């Protein structure tokens, strides 16, 4: 078992390095192909593309990750939803609606008219 890890660890590191390299190259070439022609922005280099990948991961992908099931984040509930009765589910939904300011049957607040 110990010998197996001795071979797998360097391969895993090499795989991650290749993955980052391909991702950086891909982002750099797509950026340099599209943005100067569309928006007139300047081209970027490889390390700027790696930085852009890291920034997108932080902003849109999170740092820790987590398992997503079909795009829905049911993992946060930890299986509690499946164990709830229909009445408990309805109460939970009503609580969420109240939390987000959506009340069924309530009239919408009038929007202020912009003054010119």
C-alpha atoms as a PDB file:
ATOM      1  CA  UNK A   1       0.000   0.000   0.000  1.00  0.00           C
ATOM      2  CA  UNK A   2       2.796   2.407   0.863  1.00  0.00           C
ATOM      3  CA  UNK A   3       4.573   1.758  -2.442  1.00  0.00           C
ATOM      4  CA  UNK A   4       1.385   2.519  -4.323  1.00  0.00           C
ATOM      5  CA  UNK A   5       1.155   6.016  -2.817  1.00  0.00           C
ATOM      6  CA  UNK A   6       4.784   6.541  -3.732  1.00  0.00           C
ATOM      7  CA  UNK A   7       3.817   6.300  -7.414  1.00  0.00           C
ATOM      8  CA  UNK A   8       0.377   7.911  -7.260  1.00  0.00           C
ATOM      9  CA  UNK A   9       1.379  11.159  -5.502  1.00  0.00           C
ATOM     10  CA  UNK A  10       3.830  12.352  -8.203  1.00  0.00           C
ATOM     11  CA  UNK A  11       1.355  11.398 -10.921  1.00  0.00           C
ATOM     12  CA  UNK A  12      -1.379  13.359  -9.166  1.00  0.00           C
ATOM     13  CA  UNK A  13       0.864  16.426  -8.890  1.00  0.00           C
ATOM     14  CA  UNK A  14       1.837  16.107 -12.536  1.00  0.00           C
ATOM     15  CA  UNK A  15      -1.824  15.761 -13.509  1.00  0.00           C
ATOM     16  CA  UNK A  16      -2.754  18.906 -11.574  1.00  0.00           C
ATOM     17  CA  UNK A  17       0.104  20.837 -13.186  1.00  0.00           C
ATOM     18  CA  UNK A  18      -0.969  19.710 -16.663  1.00  0.00           C
ATOM     19  CA  UNK A  19      -4.581  20.611 -15.872  1.00  0.00           C
ATOM     20  CA  UNK A  20      -3.583  24.130 -14.721  1.00  0.00           C
ATOM     21  CA  UNK A  21      -1.337  24.576 -17.760  1.00  0.00           C
ATOM     22  CA  UNK A  22      -4.069  23.549 -20.206  1.00  0.00           C
ATOM     23  CA  UNK A  23      -6.613  25.738 -18.406  1.00  0.00           C
ATOM     24  CA  UNK A  24      -4.293  28.743 -18.466  1.00  0.00           C
ATOM     25  CA  UNK A  25      -3.485  28.269 -22.134  1.00  0.00           C
ATOM     26  CA  UNK A  26      -7.145  27.838 -23.002  1.00  0.00           C
ATOM     27  CA  UNK A  27      -8.211  30.978 -21.117  1.00  0.00           C
ATOM     28  CA  UNK A  28      -5.327  32.982 -22.581  1.00  0.00           C
ATOM     29  CA  UNK A  29      -6.102  31.973 -26.166  1.00  0.00           C
ATOM     30  CA  UNK A  30      -9.858  32.511 -25.790  1.00  0.00           C
ATOM     31  CA  UNK A  31      -9.313  35.905 -24.172  1.00  0.00           C
ATOM     32  CA  UNK A  32      -6.813  37.004 -26.814  1.00  0.00           C
ATOM     33  CA  UNK A  33      -9.086  35.786 -29.589  1.00  0.00           C
ATOM     34  CA  UNK A  34     -12.332  37.365 -28.351  1.00  0.00           C
ATOM     35  CA  UNK A  35     -11.868  40.428 -26.162  1.00  0.00           C
ATOM     36  CA  UNK A  36      -9.573  42.546 -28.377  1.00  0.00           C
ATOM     37  CA  UNK A  37     -11.905  42.091 -31.338  1.00  0.00           C
ATOM     38  CA  UNK A  38     -15.143  42.560 -29.366  1.00  0.00           C
ATOM     39  CA  UNK A  39     -14.251  45.181 -26.772  1.00  0.00           C
ATOM     40  CA  UNK A  40     -10.888  46.570 -27.815  1.00  0.00           C
ATOM     41  CA  UNK A  41      -9.205  45.274 -24.648  1.00  0.00           C
ATOM     42  CA  UNK A  42      -5.548  44.330 -24.698  1.00  0.00           C
ATOM     43  CA  UNK A  43      -4.224  40.792 -24.841  1.00  0.00           C
ATOM     44  CA  UNK A  44      -3.108  38.919 -21.721  1.00  0.00           C
ATOM     45  CA  UNK A  45      -0.244  36.558 -20.984  1.00  0.00           C
ATOM     46  CA  UNK A  46      -0.178  33.071 -19.507  1.00  0.00           C
ATOM     47  CA  UNK A  47       0.256  34.141 -15.876  1.00  0.00           C
ATOM     48  CA  UNK A  48      -2.524  36.702 -16.184  1.00  0.00           C
ATOM     49  CA  UNK A  49      -4.767  33.936 -17.512  1.00  0.00           C
ATOM     50  CA  UNK A  50      -3.868  31.760 -14.502  1.00  0.00           C
ATOM     51  CA  UNK A  51      -4.728  34.701 -12.241  1.00  0.00           C
ATOM     52  CA  UNK A  52      -8.026  35.153 -14.055  1.00  0.00           C
ATOM     53  CA  UNK A  53      -8.809  31.462 -13.573  1.00  0.00           C
ATOM     54  CA  UNK A  54      -8.036  31.736  -9.854  1.00  0.00           C
ATOM     55  CA  UNK A  55     -10.162  34.875  -9.515  1.00  0.00           C
ATOM     56  CA  UNK A  56     -13.111  33.224 -11.262  1.00  0.00           C
ATOM     57  CA  UNK A  57     -12.759  30.182  -9.023  1.00  0.00           C
ATOM     58  CA  UNK A  58     -12.858  32.365  -5.912  1.00  0.00           C
ATOM     59  CA  UNK A  59     -15.747  34.547  -7.098  1.00  0.00           C
ATOM     60  CA  UNK A  60     -17.950  31.972  -8.775  1.00  0.00           C
ATOM     61  CA  UNK A  61     -16.809  28.524  -7.689  1.00  0.00           C
ATOM     62  CA  UNK A  62     -15.970  28.989  -4.055  1.00  0.00           C
ATOM     63  CA  UNK A  63     -12.775  27.835  -2.437  1.00  0.00           C
ATOM     64  CA  UNK A  64     -13.740  24.672  -0.594  1.00  0.00           C
ATOM     65  CA  UNK A  65     -15.967  23.141  -3.195  1.00  0.00           C
ATOM     66  CA  UNK A  66     -18.644  20.760  -2.117  1.00  0.00           C
ATOM     67  CA  UNK A  67     -20.801  18.222  -3.794  1.00  0.00           C
ATOM     68  CA  UNK A  68     -23.622  19.590  -5.886  1.00  0.00           C
ATOM     69  CA  UNK A  69     -26.464  17.356  -6.926  1.00  0.00           C
ATOM     70  CA  UNK A  70     -27.770  18.384 -10.298  1.00  0.00           C
ATOM     71  CA  UNK A  71     -27.027  22.051  -9.689  1.00  0.00           C
ATOM     72  CA  UNK A  72     -29.097  22.095  -6.509  1.00  0.00           C
ATOM     73  CA  UNK A  73     -27.432  22.507  -3.167  1.00  0.00           C
ATOM     74  CA  UNK A  74     -29.415  19.901  -1.285  1.00  0.00           C
ATOM     75  CA  UNK A  75     -26.255  18.810   0.532  1.00  0.00           C
ATOM     76  CA  UNK A  76     -26.710  21.716   2.936  1.00  0.00           C
ATOM     77  CA  UNK A  77     -29.928  20.206   4.185  1.00  0.00           C
ATOM     78  CA  UNK A  78     -28.110  16.967   4.931  1.00  0.00           C
ATOM     79  CA  UNK A  79     -31.066  14.757   4.026  1.00  0.00           C
ATOM     80  CA  UNK A  80     -33.439  16.594   6.344  1.00  0.00           C
ATOM     81  CA  UNK A  81     -35.802  17.474   3.477  1.00  0.00           C
ATOM     82  CA  UNK A  82     -36.472  13.806   2.758  1.00  0.00           C
ATOM     83  CA  UNK A  83     -37.254  13.135   6.416  1.00  0.00           C
ATOM     84  CA  UNK A  84     -39.734  16.032   6.710  1.00  0.00           C
ATOM     85  CA  UNK A  85     -43.478  15.486   6.627  1.00  0.00           C
ATOM     86  CA  UNK A  86     -45.473  17.461   4.030  1.00  0.00           C
ATOM     87  CA  UNK A  87     -46.670  19.832   6.776  1.00  0.00           C
ATOM     88  CA  UNK A  88     -43.094  20.496   7.923  1.00  0.00           C
ATOM     89  CA  UNK A  89     -42.031  21.120   4.340  1.00  0.00           C
ATOM     90  CA  UNK A  90     -44.837  23.634   3.846  1.00  0.00           C
ATOM     91  CA  UNK A  91     -43.904  25.434   7.087  1.00  0.00           C
ATOM     92  CA  UNK A  92     -40.275  25.529   5.957  1.00  0.00           C
ATOM     93  CA  UNK A  93     -41.268  26.985   2.575  1.00  0.00           C
ATOM     94  CA  UNK A  94     -43.429  29.613   4.268  1.00  0.00           C
ATOM     95  CA  UNK A  95     -40.498  30.562   6.464  1.00  0.00           C
ATOM     96  CA  UNK A  96     -38.310  30.994   3.397  1.00  0.00           C
ATOM     97  CA  UNK A  97     -40.930  33.121   1.683  1.00  0.00           C
ATOM     98  CA  UNK A  98     -41.100  35.340   4.764  1.00  0.00           C
ATOM     99  CA  UNK A  99     -37.324  35.547   4.919  1.00  0.00           C
ATOM    100  CA  UNK A 100     -37.083  36.758   1.323  1.00  0.00           C
ATOM    101  CA  UNK A 101     -39.967  39.216   1.641  1.00  0.00           C
ATOM    102  CA  UNK A 102     -42.430  37.270  -0.501  1.00  0.00           C
ATOM    103  CA  UNK A 103     -45.775  36.944   1.202  1.00  0.00           C
ATOM    104  CA  UNK A 104     -48.610  35.198  -0.551  1.00  0.00           C
ATOM    105  CA  UNK A 105     -51.716  37.333  -0.773  1.00  0.00           C
ATOM    106  CA  UNK A 106     -49.881  40.519   0.140  1.00  0.00           C
ATOM    107  CA  UNK A 107     -50.204  43.386  -2.297  1.00  0.00           C
ATOM    108  CA  UNK A 108     -46.951  44.529  -3.902  1.00  0.00           C
ATOM    109  CA  UNK A 109     -45.495  47.780  -2.653  1.00  0.00           C
ATOM    110  CA  UNK A 110     -45.762  50.636  -5.140  1.00  0.00           C
ATOM    111  CA  UNK A 111     -42.473  51.512  -6.811  1.00  0.00           C
ATOM    112  CA  UNK A 112     -41.342  55.124  -6.551  1.00  0.00           C
ATOM    113  CA  UNK A 113     -41.501  56.980  -9.835  1.00  0.00           C
ATOM    114  CA  UNK A 114     -38.195  58.446 -10.952  1.00  0.00           C
ATOM    115  CA  UNK A 115     -38.140  62.208 -10.970  1.00  0.00           C
ATOM    116  CA  UNK A 116     -36.710  63.863 -14.047  1.00  0.00           C
END
